[in-house]
Amino acid sequence: MTEEHRDSKRTIESVRSVNERREYISQCALDKTDIDILTLRYVDFKTFGFIADTIGLSLSQVQRRHKWALRALSEVIKNTR
């Protein structure tokens, strides 16, 4: 995990309210799949394996898309604080 990825993860995890996390996720200019990945991971607290099975993507695809989406989400949070 890169330092940038760790920082992005810390940023979303610093948002304690589930409703606030949902709001930030909805503000991201991402497609529905990426929004679903972020919601399942950071609102519903599901594993990547569960997310992959639910969405119908491979585990590596989910992890890759999560990394990109997390970076976008982190920027939204930083710009609104």
C-alpha atoms as a PDB file:
ATOM      1  CA  MET A   1       0.000   0.000   0.000  1.00  0.00           C
ATOM      2  CA  THR A   2       1.425   3.351  -1.004  1.00  0.00           C
ATOM      3  CA  GLU A   3       1.600   6.329   1.322  1.00  0.00           C
ATOM      4  CA  GLU A   4      -0.980   8.142  -0.827  1.00  0.00           C
ATOM      5  CA  HIS A   5      -3.369   5.195  -0.464  1.00  0.00           C
ATOM      6  CA  ARG A   6      -2.855   5.134   3.308  1.00  0.00           C
ATOM      7  CA  ASP A   7      -3.548   8.872   3.504  1.00  0.00           C
ATOM      8  CA  SER A   8      -6.724   8.506   1.449  1.00  0.00           C
ATOM      9  CA  LYS A   9      -7.899   5.652   3.642  1.00  0.00           C
ATOM     10  CA  ARG A  10      -7.209   7.659   6.804  1.00  0.00           C
ATOM     11  CA  THR A  11      -9.189  10.565   5.377  1.00  0.00           C
ATOM     12  CA  ILE A  12     -12.380   8.554   4.823  1.00  0.00           C
ATOM     13  CA  GLU A  13     -11.953   6.726   8.119  1.00  0.00           C
ATOM     14  CA  SER A  14     -11.718  10.080   9.910  1.00  0.00           C
ATOM     15  CA  VAL A  15     -15.342  10.715   8.920  1.00  0.00           C
ATOM     16  CA  ARG A  16     -17.180   9.027  11.798  1.00  0.00           C
ATOM     17  CA  SER A  17     -20.788   9.521  10.730  1.00  0.00           C
ATOM     18  CA  VAL A  18     -22.153   6.939   8.300  1.00  0.00           C
ATOM     19  CA  ASN A  19     -24.564   9.523   6.904  1.00  0.00           C
ATOM     20  CA  GLU A  20     -21.695  11.935   6.314  1.00  0.00           C
ATOM     21  CA  ARG A  21     -19.732   9.192   4.533  1.00  0.00           C
ATOM     22  CA  ARG A  22     -22.760   8.522   2.291  1.00  0.00           C
ATOM     23  CA  GLU A  23     -22.962  12.230   1.496  1.00  0.00           C
ATOM     24  CA  TYR A  24     -19.283  12.472   0.539  1.00  0.00           C
ATOM     25  CA  ILE A  25     -19.514   9.319  -1.582  1.00  0.00           C
ATOM     26  CA  SER A  26     -22.518  10.728  -3.449  1.00  0.00           C
ATOM     27  CA  GLN A  27     -20.516  13.889  -4.262  1.00  0.00           C
ATOM     28  CA  CYS A  28     -17.812  11.952  -6.091  1.00  0.00           C
ATOM     29  CA  ALA A  29     -17.925  12.181  -9.869  1.00  0.00           C
ATOM     30  CA  LEU A  30     -17.675   8.401 -10.214  1.00  0.00           C
ATOM     31  CA  ASP A  31     -19.734   5.788 -11.984  1.00  0.00           C
ATOM     32  CA  LYS A  32     -22.306   3.702 -10.126  1.00  0.00           C
ATOM     33  CA  THR A  33     -19.974   0.720  -9.674  1.00  0.00           C
ATOM     34  CA  ASP A  34     -17.316   2.814  -7.952  1.00  0.00           C
ATOM     35  CA  ILE A  35     -19.923   4.428  -5.725  1.00  0.00           C
ATOM     36  CA  ASP A  36     -21.242   0.958  -4.847  1.00  0.00           C
ATOM     37  CA  ILE A  37     -17.727  -0.221  -3.978  1.00  0.00           C
ATOM     38  CA  LEU A  38     -17.124   2.750  -1.674  1.00  0.00           C
ATOM     39  CA  THR A  39     -20.538   2.429  -0.051  1.00  0.00           C
ATOM     40  CA  LEU A  40     -20.191  -1.284   0.574  1.00  0.00           C
ATOM     41  CA  ARG A  41     -16.693  -0.811   1.969  1.00  0.00           C
ATOM     42  CA  TYR A  42     -17.016   2.344   4.093  1.00  0.00           C
ATOM     43  CA  VAL A  43     -20.715   2.462   4.986  1.00  0.00           C
ATOM     44  CA  ASP A  44     -21.654  -1.222   5.150  1.00  0.00           C
ATOM     45  CA  PHE A  45     -18.116  -2.334   6.169  1.00  0.00           C
ATOM     46  CA  LYS A  46     -17.997  -5.298   3.763  1.00  0.00           C
ATOM     47  CA  THR A  47     -14.876  -7.171   2.684  1.00  0.00           C
ATOM     48  CA  PHE A  48     -13.442  -6.903  -0.811  1.00  0.00           C
ATOM     49  CA  GLY A  49     -14.404 -10.538  -1.410  1.00  0.00           C
ATOM     50  CA  PHE A  50     -18.013  -9.845  -0.501  1.00  0.00           C
ATOM     51  CA  ILE A  51     -18.028  -6.724  -2.692  1.00  0.00           C
ATOM     52  CA  ALA A  52     -16.590  -8.660  -5.653  1.00  0.00           C
ATOM     53  CA  ASP A  53     -19.247 -11.364  -5.304  1.00  0.00           C
ATOM     54  CA  THR A  54     -22.037  -8.810  -4.926  1.00  0.00           C
ATOM     55  CA  ILE A  55     -21.044  -6.622  -7.855  1.00  0.00           C
ATOM     56  CA  GLY A  56     -19.880  -9.433 -10.105  1.00  0.00           C
ATOM     57  CA  LEU A  57     -16.294  -8.293 -10.613  1.00  0.00           C
ATOM     58  CA  SER A  58     -13.070 -10.085  -9.809  1.00  0.00           C
ATOM     59  CA  LEU A  59     -11.366  -9.365  -6.506  1.00  0.00           C
ATOM     60  CA  SER A  60      -8.470  -7.628  -8.280  1.00  0.00           C
ATOM     61  CA  GLN A  61     -10.867  -5.429 -10.286  1.00  0.00           C
ATOM     62  CA  VAL A  62     -12.658  -4.371  -7.107  1.00  0.00           C
ATOM     63  CA  GLN A  63      -9.385  -3.594  -5.347  1.00  0.00           C
ATOM     64  CA  ARG A  64      -8.105  -1.578  -8.315  1.00  0.00           C
ATOM     65  CA  ARG A  65     -11.332   0.391  -8.672  1.00  0.00           C
ATOM     66  CA  HIS A  66     -11.434   0.917  -4.904  1.00  0.00           C
ATOM     67  CA  LYS A  67      -7.982   2.480  -4.995  1.00  0.00           C
ATOM     68  CA  TRP A  68      -8.972   4.936  -7.741  1.00  0.00           C
ATOM     69  CA  ALA A  69     -12.336   5.730  -6.153  1.00  0.00           C
ATOM     70  CA  LEU A  70     -10.761   6.189  -2.721  1.00  0.00           C
ATOM     71  CA  ARG A  71      -8.400   8.785  -4.154  1.00  0.00           C
ATOM     72  CA  ALA A  72     -11.345  10.726  -5.628  1.00  0.00           C
ATOM     73  CA  LEU A  73     -13.313  10.454  -2.392  1.00  0.00           C
ATOM     74  CA  SER A  74     -10.355  11.679  -0.385  1.00  0.00           C
ATOM     75  CA  GLU A  75     -10.119  14.779  -2.571  1.00  0.00           C
ATOM     76  CA  VAL A  76     -13.833  15.530  -2.082  1.00  0.00           C
ATOM     77  CA  ILE A  77     -13.457  15.280   1.683  1.00  0.00           C
ATOM     78  CA  LYS A  78     -10.309  17.420   1.774  1.00  0.00           C
ATOM     79  CA  ASN A  79     -11.917  20.116  -0.384  1.00  0.00           C
ATOM     80  CA  THR A  80     -15.043  20.368   1.766  1.00  0.00           C
ATOM     81  CA  ARG A  81     -13.339  20.597   5.160  1.00  0.00           C
END
